[in-house]
Protein backbone atom coordinates (compact mmCIF):
# COMPACT_ATOMS: atom_id res chain seq x y z
CA UNK A 1 -31.21 -11.33 -15.18
CA UNK A 2 -32.63 -11.97 -11.63
CA UNK A 3 -36.40 -10.52 -12.19
CA UNK A 4 -39.13 -12.96 -11.20
CA UNK A 5 -42.76 -13.87 -12.26
CA UNK A 6 -44.87 -13.69 -8.91
CA UNK A 7 -47.30 -16.91 -8.34
CA UNK A 8 -50.31 -14.63 -8.27
CA UNK A 9 -49.05 -13.05 -11.38
CA UNK A 10 -48.73 -16.60 -12.89
CA UNK A 11 -52.16 -17.93 -12.22
CA UNK A 12 -53.48 -14.79 -13.17
CA UNK A 13 -52.58 -15.50 -16.77
CA UNK A 14 -53.90 -18.99 -16.69
CA UNK A 15 -57.55 -18.05 -15.61
CA UNK A 16 -60.63 -16.77 -18.02
CA UNK A 17 -61.29 -17.38 -21.08
CA UNK A 18 -59.05 -14.98 -23.41
CA UNK A 19 -58.65 -15.65 -26.80
CA UNK A 20 -54.82 -15.77 -26.75
CA UNK A 21 -55.26 -18.70 -24.05
CA UNK A 22 -54.94 -22.42 -24.38
CA UNK A 23 -58.33 -24.12 -24.10
CA UNK A 24 -58.79 -26.51 -21.07
CA UNK A 25 -60.12 -29.36 -22.11
CA UNK A 26 -57.36 -32.14 -20.62
CA UNK A 27 -59.06 -34.58 -17.50
CA UNK A 28 -56.91 -36.32 -15.39
CA UNK A 29 -57.38 -39.68 -17.35
CA UNK A 30 -55.50 -37.47 -20.33
CA UNK A 31 -53.05 -36.42 -18.34
CA UNK A 32 -52.47 -39.73 -17.05
CA UNK A 33 -52.51 -41.28 -20.62
CA UNK A 34 -50.46 -38.57 -21.70
CA UNK A 35 -47.33 -39.26 -19.11
CA UNK A 36 -47.91 -42.77 -20.17
CA UNK A 37 -47.84 -42.24 -23.39
CA UNK A 38 -44.74 -40.22 -23.17
CA UNK A 39 -42.42 -43.34 -20.83
CA UNK A 40 -43.89 -46.34 -22.23
CA UNK A 41 -41.71 -45.95 -25.93
CA UNK A 42 -39.83 -48.88 -27.09
CA UNK A 43 -37.38 -48.59 -24.26
CA UNK A 44 -39.38 -51.46 -22.66
CA UNK A 45 -38.66 -54.00 -25.76
CA UNK A 46 -35.49 -53.06 -25.66
CA UNK A 47 -33.59 -52.14 -22.76
CA UNK A 48 -34.54 -54.76 -20.70
CA UNK A 49 -32.57 -56.97 -22.36
CA UNK A 50 -29.24 -54.63 -22.74
CA UNK A 51 -29.40 -54.21 -18.44
CA UNK A 52 -30.57 -57.74 -17.71
CA UNK A 53 -27.63 -59.20 -20.19
CA UNK A 54 -24.61 -56.37 -19.12
CA UNK A 55 -26.13 -55.67 -15.06
CA UNK A 56 -27.92 -56.88 -13.26
CA UNK A 57 -29.38 -60.85 -14.54
CA UNK A 58 -33.09 -61.30 -13.26
CA UNK A 59 -32.66 -58.36 -10.78
CA UNK A 60 -32.86 -56.37 -13.31
CA UNK A 61 -36.92 -55.42 -12.08
CA UNK A 62 -34.59 -54.09 -8.39
CA UNK A 63 -32.93 -51.76 -11.17
CA UNK A 64 -36.25 -51.00 -12.39
CA UNK A 65 -37.80 -50.57 -8.50
CA UNK A 66 -34.95 -48.09 -7.80
CA UNK A 67 -35.27 -45.96 -10.78
CA UNK A 68 -38.79 -45.77 -10.55
CA UNK A 69 -38.41 -44.64 -6.75
CA UNK A 70 -35.38 -42.23 -7.35
CA UNK A 71 -37.75 -40.65 -10.22
CA UNK A 72 -40.26 -40.14 -7.86
CA UNK A 73 -38.41 -37.85 -5.48
CA UNK A 74 -38.59 -35.16 -8.89
CA UNK A 75 -41.99 -36.82 -9.83
CA UNK A 76 -43.18 -35.21 -5.77
CA UNK A 77 -41.55 -32.47 -6.45
CA UNK A 78 -42.98 -31.49 -10.24
CA UNK A 79 -46.61 -32.24 -8.74
CA UNK A 80 -46.29 -29.48 -6.15
CA UNK A 81 -44.99 -27.06 -8.81
CA UNK A 82 -47.91 -27.69 -11.67
CA UNK A 83 -50.36 -28.06 -9.04
CA UNK A 84 -49.44 -24.64 -7.76
CA UNK A 85 -48.54 -23.43 -10.77
CA UNK A 86 -51.20 -24.24 -13.34
CA UNK A 87 -49.52 -22.79 -15.88
CA UNK A 88 -48.48 -23.96 -19.85
CA UNK A 89 -43.99 -24.71 -19.89
CA UNK A 90 -43.33 -26.90 -17.32
CA UNK A 91 -39.77 -26.06 -15.41
CA UNK A 92 -39.51 -22.58 -17.07
CA UNK A 93 -41.92 -21.37 -15.57
CA UNK A 94 -41.18 -22.53 -12.25
CA UNK A 95 -37.72 -21.05 -12.81
CA UNK A 96 -39.15 -18.04 -13.27
CA UNK A 97 -40.78 -18.20 -10.16
CA UNK A 98 -38.04 -19.45 -7.69
CA UNK A 99 -34.88 -18.16 -9.77
CA UNK A 100 -35.13 -15.21 -11.70
CA UNK A 101 -35.62 -14.51 -15.30
CA UNK A 102 -32.10 -15.40 -17.10
CA UNK A 103 -32.11 -19.08 -15.83
CA UNK A 104 -35.89 -19.35 -16.85
CA UNK A 105 -34.44 -18.45 -20.56
CA UNK A 106 -31.58 -21.47 -20.18
CA UNK A 107 -34.15 -23.89 -18.77
CA UNK A 108 -36.38 -23.38 -21.46
CA UNK A 109 -33.78 -23.23 -23.88
CA UNK A 110 -32.99 -26.31 -22.79
CA UNK A 111 -35.98 -28.16 -22.92
CA UNK A 112 -36.66 -27.37 -26.61
CA UNK A 113 -33.21 -28.67 -27.58
CA UNK A 114 -34.62 -32.02 -25.21
CA UNK A 115 -37.90 -32.28 -26.67
CA UNK A 116 -36.62 -31.40 -30.54
CA UNK A 117 -34.58 -33.67 -30.66
CA UNK A 118 -36.08 -36.36 -28.48
CA UNK A 119 -38.76 -36.01 -30.82
CA UNK A 120 -36.23 -36.35 -34.11
CA UNK A 121 -34.32 -39.30 -32.24
CA UNK A 122 -37.78 -41.65 -32.15
CA UNK A 123 -39.30 -40.59 -35.57
CA UNK A 124 -35.91 -41.79 -37.36
CA UNK A 125 -36.05 -45.61 -35.45
CA UNK A 126 -40.39 -44.94 -36.15
CA UNK A 127 -39.41 -45.06 -39.59
CA UNK A 128 -37.20 -48.50 -39.09
CA UNK A 129 -39.52 -50.03 -38.02
CA UNK A 130 -42.74 -49.49 -40.23
CA UNK A 131 -40.39 -50.00 -42.78
CA UNK A 132 -39.68 -53.84 -41.49
CA UNK A 133 -43.40 -53.94 -40.80
CA UNK A 134 -44.10 -52.52 -44.53
CA UNK A 135 -41.82 -55.32 -46.13
CA UNK A 136 -43.67 -58.24 -43.86
CA UNK A 137 -46.22 -57.17 -46.63
CA UNK A 138 -44.04 -56.87 -49.51
CA UNK A 139 -44.20 -53.36 -49.46
CA UNK A 140 -40.80 -52.30 -49.75
CA UNK A 141 -39.66 -47.92 -50.12
CA UNK A 142 -36.92 -47.14 -51.75
CA UNK A 143 -33.89 -47.35 -49.46
CA UNK A 144 -32.26 -43.85 -50.69
CA UNK A 145 -35.71 -42.35 -49.11
CA UNK A 146 -35.44 -44.33 -45.48
CA UNK A 147 -32.00 -42.49 -44.78
CA UNK A 148 -30.75 -39.39 -44.40
CA UNK A 149 -28.22 -38.47 -46.85
CA UNK A 150 -25.04 -38.57 -44.46
CA UNK A 151 -25.88 -42.35 -44.69
CA UNK A 152 -25.44 -44.93 -46.79
CA UNK A 153 -26.56 -48.82 -47.25
CA UNK A 154 -24.91 -52.22 -48.76
CA UNK A 155 -28.06 -53.88 -50.91
CA UNK A 156 -27.69 -57.36 -50.92
CA UNK A 157 -26.28 -57.56 -54.27
CA UNK A 158 -23.10 -55.64 -52.68
CA UNK A 159 -23.97 -52.40 -54.09
CA UNK A 160 -23.46 -49.26 -51.15
CA UNK A 161 -26.45 -47.10 -51.89
CA UNK A 162 -26.18 -43.06 -50.62
CA UNK A 163 -29.15 -41.98 -48.94
CA UNK A 164 -31.24 -38.60 -50.22
CA UNK A 165 -33.91 -38.41 -47.14
CA UNK A 166 -35.75 -40.46 -44.73
CA UNK A 167 -39.30 -39.54 -45.89
CA UNK A 168 -41.09 -41.90 -43.48
CA UNK A 169 -40.03 -39.67 -40.61
CA UNK A 170 -40.41 -36.34 -42.00
CA UNK A 171 -43.62 -38.54 -42.57
CA UNK A 172 -44.81 -39.07 -38.81
CA UNK A 173 -43.82 -35.39 -37.95
CA UNK A 174 -46.07 -33.93 -40.55
CA UNK A 175 -49.00 -36.22 -39.94
CA UNK A 176 -48.35 -35.64 -35.69
CA UNK A 177 -48.23 -31.67 -36.11
CA UNK A 178 -51.06 -31.70 -38.25
CA UNK A 179 -53.00 -33.46 -35.33
CA UNK A 180 -51.64 -30.98 -32.87
CA UNK A 181 -53.15 -27.98 -34.61
CA UNK A 182 -56.34 -29.43 -34.97
CA UNK A 183 -56.54 -29.11 -31.23
CA UNK A 184 -55.03 -30.76 -28.10
CA UNK A 185 -58.22 -32.82 -27.50
CA UNK A 186 -58.38 -34.66 -30.66
CA UNK A 187 -54.20 -34.87 -30.04
CA UNK A 188 -55.10 -36.66 -26.37
CA UNK A 189 -57.88 -39.07 -28.07
CA UNK A 190 -55.16 -39.81 -30.50
CA UNK A 191 -52.96 -40.51 -27.55
CA UNK A 192 -55.40 -42.95 -25.65
CA UNK A 193 -56.45 -45.22 -28.53
CA UNK A 194 -51.91 -45.82 -29.16
CA UNK A 195 -51.39 -45.85 -25.23
CA UNK A 196 -54.02 -48.39 -24.92
CA UNK A 197 -52.91 -50.37 -27.81
CA UNK A 198 -49.09 -50.77 -26.31
CA UNK A 199 -50.80 -51.61 -22.70
CA UNK A 200 -52.85 -54.07 -24.39
CA UNK A 201 -49.37 -55.75 -26.02
CA UNK A 202 -47.54 -55.11 -22.75
CA UNK A 203 -50.17 -56.63 -20.90
CA UNK A 204 -50.75 -59.87 -23.27
CA UNK A 205 -46.77 -60.11 -23.08
CA UNK A 206 -47.14 -60.43 -18.93
CA UNK A 207 -50.38 -62.57 -19.44
CA UNK A 208 -49.35 -65.47 -21.90
CA UNK A 209 -45.56 -65.69 -20.69
CA UNK A 210 -46.29 -65.87 -17.28
CA UNK A 211 -46.99 -69.88 -17.65
CA UNK A 212 -43.78 -70.65 -19.75
CA UNK A 213 -41.62 -68.74 -17.31
CA UNK A 214 -38.32 -71.41 -16.07
CA UNK A 215 -37.73 -70.52 -12.39
CA UNK A 216 -33.94 -71.90 -13.10
CA UNK A 217 -33.49 -68.74 -14.94
CA UNK A 218 -34.34 -67.10 -11.91
CA UNK A 219 -30.80 -68.33 -10.59
CA UNK A 220 -29.43 -66.91 -9.21
CA UNK A 221 -31.17 -64.25 -9.27
CA UNK A 222 -28.22 -61.46 -8.86
CA UNK A 223 -25.45 -62.86 -10.35
CA UNK A 224 -21.69 -62.14 -8.99
CA UNK A 225 -20.14 -58.87 -9.50
CA UNK A 226 -17.50 -59.83 -12.33
CA UNK A 227 -15.05 -57.68 -10.50
CA UNK A 228 -15.69 -54.33 -12.10
CA UNK A 229 -18.20 -52.10 -10.61
CA UNK A 230 -21.96 -51.93 -12.29
CA UNK A 231 -21.44 -55.54 -13.83
CA UNK A 232 -23.69 -57.74 -11.74
CA UNK A 233 -24.16 -57.80 -7.93
CA UNK A 234 -25.80 -54.88 -6.19
CA UNK A 235 -23.40 -52.61 -8.04
CA UNK A 236 -24.70 -53.84 -11.33
CA UNK A 237 -28.41 -53.18 -10.14
CA UNK A 238 -27.22 -49.91 -9.25
CA UNK A 239 -25.64 -49.56 -12.81
CA UNK A 240 -28.66 -51.00 -14.16
CA UNK A 241 -30.94 -48.35 -12.51
CA UNK A 242 -28.96 -44.82 -13.66
CA UNK A 243 -29.50 -46.59 -17.60
CA UNK A 244 -33.50 -47.40 -17.03
CA UNK A 245 -33.68 -44.29 -15.40
CA UNK A 246 -34.04 -42.97 -18.83
CA UNK A 247 -37.38 -44.13 -19.39
CA UNK A 248 -39.13 -43.30 -17.04
CA UNK A 249 -38.37 -39.13 -17.78
CA UNK A 250 -41.87 -39.06 -19.80
CA UNK A 251 -43.66 -36.84 -17.58
CA UNK A 252 -41.83 -34.03 -17.42
CA UNK A 253 -43.82 -33.70 -20.65
CA UNK A 254 -47.03 -33.65 -18.45
CA UNK A 255 -45.95 -30.60 -16.69
CA UNK A 256 -46.24 -28.53 -19.96
CA UNK A 257 -49.81 -28.99 -20.56
CA UNK A 258 -50.76 -27.62 -17.19
CA UNK A 259 -52.44 -24.65 -18.60
CA UNK A 260 -54.84 -26.75 -20.99
CA UNK A 261 -55.76 -29.50 -17.77
CA UNK A 262 -59.26 -28.88 -16.91
CA UNK A 263 -58.82 -29.24 -12.82
CA UNK A 264 -55.14 -28.46 -12.58
CA UNK A 265 -54.69 -28.21 -8.97
CA UNK A 266 -56.13 -32.10 -9.07
CA UNK A 267 -55.28 -33.14 -12.70
CA UNK A 268 -51.69 -32.46 -12.28
CA UNK A 269 -50.49 -34.49 -9.10
CA UNK A 270 -52.34 -37.39 -10.42
CA UNK A 271 -51.01 -37.48 -14.06
CA UNK A 272 -47.58 -37.28 -13.23
CA UNK A 273 -47.82 -39.46 -9.91
CA UNK A 274 -50.02 -41.85 -11.52
CA UNK A 275 -48.27 -42.17 -14.61
CA UNK A 276 -44.71 -43.05 -13.17
CA UNK A 277 -46.49 -45.49 -10.95
CA UNK A 278 -48.37 -47.22 -13.45
CA UNK A 279 -45.30 -47.63 -15.80
CA UNK A 280 -43.34 -48.67 -12.93
CA UNK A 281 -45.42 -51.63 -12.69
CA UNK A 282 -45.96 -52.68 -15.95
CA UNK A 283 -41.45 -52.35 -16.07
CA UNK A 284 -41.24 -54.20 -13.49
CA UNK A 285 -44.00 -57.07 -14.55
CA UNK A 286 -42.46 -57.07 -17.98
CA UNK A 287 -39.07 -57.51 -16.97
CA UNK A 288 -39.75 -60.16 -14.70
CA UNK A 289 -41.16 -62.11 -17.04
CA UNK A 290 -38.71 -61.82 -19.79
CA UNK A 291 -35.51 -63.00 -17.74
CA UNK A 292 -37.87 -66.08 -16.32
CA UNK A 293 -38.61 -66.81 -20.36
CA UNK A 294 -34.95 -66.86 -21.61
CA UNK A 295 -31.83 -66.86 -19.63
CA UNK A 296 -30.56 -63.28 -19.18
CA UNK A 297 -26.75 -64.16 -20.79
CA UNK A 298 -29.13 -64.80 -24.03
CA UNK A 299 -29.88 -61.39 -24.17
CA UNK A 300 -26.32 -60.49 -24.90
CA UNK A 301 -25.77 -58.06 -28.14
CA UNK A 302 -29.42 -59.07 -28.93
CA UNK A 303 -31.03 -55.94 -30.83
CA UNK A 304 -35.06 -57.25 -30.14
CA UNK A 305 -34.83 -59.24 -26.55
CA UNK A 306 -38.61 -58.83 -26.19
CA UNK A 307 -39.24 -60.63 -29.70
CA UNK A 308 -36.27 -63.58 -28.47
CA UNK A 309 -38.26 -64.50 -25.17
CA UNK A 310 -41.56 -64.31 -26.50
CA UNK A 311 -41.08 -66.79 -28.83
CA UNK A 312 -40.77 -68.95 -26.03
CA UNK A 313 -43.91 -69.31 -25.78
CA UNK A 314 -45.07 -70.34 -29.10
CA UNK A 315 -47.71 -67.68 -30.09
CA UNK A 316 -45.50 -66.17 -33.48
CA UNK A 317 -48.68 -64.86 -34.70
CA UNK A 318 -48.00 -62.25 -31.86
CA UNK A 319 -44.40 -61.42 -33.55
CA UNK A 320 -46.10 -58.53 -35.93
CA UNK A 321 -48.37 -57.28 -32.59
CA UNK A 322 -44.51 -56.93 -30.79
CA UNK A 323 -43.93 -54.27 -33.79
CA UNK A 324 -47.17 -52.73 -34.05
CA UNK A 325 -46.92 -52.33 -30.55
CA UNK A 326 -43.10 -50.48 -30.41
CA UNK A 327 -45.00 -48.56 -33.70
CA UNK A 328 -47.72 -46.99 -31.12
CA UNK A 329 -44.83 -46.48 -28.21
CA UNK A 330 -43.46 -44.19 -30.69
CA UNK A 331 -46.05 -42.25 -32.42
CA UNK A 332 -47.11 -41.61 -28.93
CA UNK A 333 -43.94 -40.60 -27.35
CA UNK A 334 -43.19 -37.91 -30.46
CA UNK A 335 -46.84 -36.77 -30.12
CA UNK A 336 -46.26 -35.80 -26.43
CA UNK A 337 -43.04 -34.33 -27.02
CA UNK A 338 -44.13 -32.12 -30.14
CA UNK A 339 -46.90 -30.72 -27.93
CA UNK A 340 -44.49 -29.92 -24.81
CA UNK A 341 -41.77 -28.37 -27.25
CA UNK A 342 -44.65 -25.83 -28.41
CA UNK A 343 -46.24 -25.39 -25.09
CA UNK A 344 -42.58 -23.92 -24.02
CA UNK A 345 -41.83 -21.79 -26.86
CA UNK A 346 -45.93 -21.06 -26.54
CA UNK A 347 -45.15 -19.54 -23.28
CA UNK A 348 -41.42 -18.06 -23.13
CA UNK A 349 -43.26 -15.73 -26.51
CA UNK A 350 -45.93 -14.58 -23.95
CA UNK A 351 -42.97 -13.31 -21.40
CA UNK A 352 -41.63 -11.15 -24.51
CA UNK A 353 -38.65 -13.27 -24.73
CA UNK A 354 -39.29 -14.49 -27.68
CA UNK A 355 -41.24 -13.22 -30.73
CA UNK A 356 -44.90 -12.40 -30.62
CA UNK A 357 -45.49 -14.72 -33.80
CA UNK A 358 -44.84 -18.12 -30.91
CA UNK A 359 -48.06 -17.38 -29.25
CA UNK A 360 -50.04 -16.75 -31.91
CA UNK A 361 -53.26 -19.35 -30.70
CA UNK A 362 -55.54 -20.24 -33.39
CA UNK A 363 -58.73 -18.45 -33.68
CA UNK A 364 -60.65 -21.46 -33.85
CA UNK A 365 -59.02 -24.59 -32.44
CA UNK A 366 -57.12 -22.43 -29.28
CA UNK A 367 -53.77 -23.68 -30.27
CA UNK A 368 -50.36 -21.93 -30.59
CA UNK A 369 -50.50 -22.82 -34.28
CA UNK A 370 -47.28 -21.27 -35.37
CA UNK A 371 -45.48 -22.35 -33.43
CA UNK A 372 -46.50 -26.26 -34.23
CA UNK A 373 -45.70 -25.73 -37.47
CA UNK A 374 -42.11 -24.11 -36.91
CA UNK A 375 -41.07 -27.21 -34.65
CA UNK A 376 -42.51 -29.17 -37.36
CA UNK A 377 -40.42 -27.96 -40.39
CA UNK A 378 -37.36 -27.83 -37.75
CA UNK A 379 -37.87 -31.12 -36.05
CA UNK A 380 -38.79 -32.34 -39.88
CA UNK A 381 -35.53 -31.34 -41.20
CA UNK A 382 -33.67 -32.66 -38.38
CA UNK A 383 -35.43 -36.38 -39.04
CA UNK A 384 -34.95 -36.71 -42.33
CA UNK A 385 -31.58 -35.81 -42.87
CA UNK A 386 -29.16 -36.38 -39.55
CA UNK A 387 -29.06 -39.35 -38.50
CA UNK A 388 -29.43 -40.96 -35.05
CA UNK A 389 -26.61 -41.37 -33.85
CA UNK A 390 -26.19 -37.98 -33.84
CA UNK A 391 -29.50 -37.14 -32.47
CA UNK A 392 -29.96 -39.25 -29.50
CA UNK A 393 -27.15 -37.80 -26.86
CA UNK A 394 -28.66 -34.86 -26.42
CA UNK A 395 -31.86 -35.73 -24.55
CA UNK A 396 -31.23 -36.70 -21.08
CA UNK A 397 -28.90 -34.54 -20.14
CA UNK A 398 -31.28 -31.76 -20.86
CA UNK A 399 -34.25 -33.59 -19.02
CA UNK A 400 -31.72 -34.17 -15.88
CA UNK A 401 -30.75 -30.74 -16.20
CA UNK A 402 -34.91 -29.38 -15.87
CA UNK A 403 -35.22 -32.00 -12.88
CA UNK A 404 -32.45 -30.47 -10.76
CA UNK A 405 -33.77 -27.13 -11.12
CA UNK A 406 -37.30 -27.99 -10.25
CA UNK A 407 -36.37 -29.30 -7.05
CA UNK A 408 -34.44 -26.39 -6.02
CA UNK A 409 -37.90 -24.58 -7.08
CA UNK A 410 -39.68 -26.64 -4.65
CA UNK A 411 -37.16 -25.68 -1.46
CA UNK A 412 -36.73 -22.15 -2.70
CA UNK A 413 -40.92 -21.23 -2.55
CA UNK A 414 -41.31 -23.13 0.50
CA UNK A 415 -39.15 -20.48 2.34
CA UNK A 416 -40.16 -17.44 0.14
CA UNK A 417 -43.76 -18.13 -0.41
CA UNK A 418 -44.84 -19.99 2.29
CA UNK A 419 -48.64 -19.02 2.51
CA UNK A 420 -49.43 -19.59 -0.55
CA UNK A 421 -52.17 -22.26 -1.28
CA UNK A 422 -50.80 -25.39 -2.31
CA UNK A 423 -53.33 -28.42 -3.44
CA UNK A 424 -50.60 -30.59 -3.45
CA UNK A 425 -47.44 -31.03 -1.23
CA UNK A 426 -44.24 -32.40 -1.37
CA UNK A 427 -43.33 -34.54 2.07
CA UNK A 428 -40.54 -34.72 3.47
CA UNK A 429 -38.78 -31.16 2.69
CA UNK A 430 -36.22 -30.61 2.40
CA UNK A 431 -35.28 -33.98 2.22
CA UNK A 432 -36.98 -35.42 -1.32
CA UNK A 433 -36.04 -32.18 -3.52
CA UNK A 434 -32.25 -32.77 -2.05
CA UNK A 435 -32.70 -36.68 -2.86
CA UNK A 436 -33.74 -35.61 -6.23
CA UNK A 437 -31.02 -33.31 -6.87
CA UNK A 438 -28.12 -35.89 -5.60
CA UNK A 439 -30.17 -38.52 -8.48
CA UNK A 440 -30.01 -36.31 -11.41
CA UNK A 441 -25.89 -35.06 -10.21
CA UNK A 442 -24.84 -38.80 -10.66
CA UNK A 443 -26.74 -39.67 -13.04
CA UNK A 444 -25.81 -35.98 -15.55
CA UNK A 445 -22.17 -37.32 -14.11
CA UNK A 446 -21.66 -40.36 -15.81
CA UNK A 447 -23.22 -39.30 -19.49
CA UNK A 448 -20.63 -38.49 -22.27
CA UNK A 449 -18.39 -35.56 -22.56
CA UNK A 450 -19.86 -34.87 -26.01
CA UNK A 451 -23.20 -34.25 -24.10
CA UNK A 452 -21.74 -31.99 -22.37
CA UNK A 453 -19.94 -30.05 -25.33
CA UNK A 454 -23.43 -29.94 -27.31
CA UNK A 455 -25.17 -28.73 -23.95
CA UNK A 456 -22.71 -26.07 -23.77
CA UNK A 457 -22.82 -24.43 -27.56
CA UNK A 458 -26.12 -25.10 -27.60
CA UNK A 459 -26.49 -23.17 -24.64
CA UNK A 460 -24.36 -20.66 -25.47
CA UNK A 461 -26.00 -18.94 -28.23
CA UNK A 462 -28.95 -18.96 -26.03
CA UNK A 463 -27.34 -16.61 -24.52
CA UNK A 464 -26.50 -14.92 -27.11
CA UNK A 465 -29.72 -14.56 -28.01
CA UNK A 466 -31.26 -13.71 -24.76
CA UNK A 467 -29.02 -10.85 -24.64
CA UNK A 468 -29.32 -9.71 -28.19
CA UNK A 469 -33.37 -9.87 -27.72
CA UNK A 470 -35.56 -11.21 -25.28
CA UNK A 471 -33.78 -9.08 -21.71
CA UNK A 472 -35.08 -6.06 -24.40
CA UNK A 473 -38.52 -7.27 -24.80
CA UNK A 474 -38.85 -8.60 -21.35
CA UNK A 475 -42.41 -7.96 -20.45
CA UNK A 476 -41.86 -8.28 -16.70
CA UNK A 477 -38.83 -6.39 -17.02
CA UNK A 478 -40.56 -3.84 -18.97
CA UNK A 479 -43.40 -3.16 -16.69
CA UNK A 480 -40.50 -3.44 -13.51
CA UNK A 481 -39.01 -0.04 -15.67
CA UNK A 482 -42.63 1.85 -15.74
């Protein structure tokens, strides 16, 4: 259970041009766009209004700054390990090198749940928005084919209709999975287009909205606390940062593509840190304009605050553009999450902890195609048949757990392997990793007990699989016995 993989063996696995290895096609620019694709989803269009109305007021901009700084602690740790160990698998691989096989299995199993549920959750949301967009062009799908069988919908005539399957959600999962099978370069190109589209709409919102800002909406910039922690005041900014933190966690998916980066020693730090900086800047500017257009109190209970704010400008023709940007944001998030989870399973299979089926590489496309198709079915079923309310609770806790292990891993390797070349070094070790760990623990403590319960059940299943199969087929254990 405590067997570790040496850094040299990990690097050797990723070198060369063997048929079973993934194809290196991702430039630094591609990696930055992957990070932005995973980070900037529809949260920028909805989360900002919620935090402004309930927690921070116009100072939601400070909440984004604080969350970005907190996330930067973990991003710096990711950048060091990703440049030093340029292998697919993200936190799973780093844990294998620092804390041993069993802990690596735990975090790998945890990451799969995180990515699968994130993909399914966003696919269901994508479905709801595409239905709205189609309806604007008088294309109406049968309601029963747009929700899960565990949901009902009330028709205008009062009739209650039971769902059958969410076909649009399944459709987007299947299409993006097939694109991923075709090749990482093609997937990255599509992601670049989607990211360019949603950034363009965000920049248009900022540019056109800036001239319509009413300075009176910024007074008071930090509303007085209501007497409850987290309800405005300084504590409201802090609580707001904890909430919007989850809008930044997508950079974790960048590290799963390390083995497909053309120059990972340079590209991984650039991709991880670059995407975080760009997204933080976009978040701050967007929230500043939005709270300047409309008083923060007006966002209470508003499911589409960006549209509400933009209506003030009078540019109504861009309302459809916001929906398209949200769809582009959702699509790029699904694409990157589907890619991330398949790469984690690919790496675990390569280590013998999962059947060889999952590390099968397509002879032409050089992608883990069988794993991708497996998750196409798994995520497609979740998206098509499970309500979104039951999908969305587990995503964050897994990511935060991964962040903690990565931060620990940096400190461990600094002491156990001080002489290994580090193309990028996290500054201020061990202070920066310690701050990352403390922030993540604080945020995990605020998650509902139901999330912890589901995590425990999933982890219990993972432990059973490890002792029943993985430990008996582990390549590193087999080599140690010889």
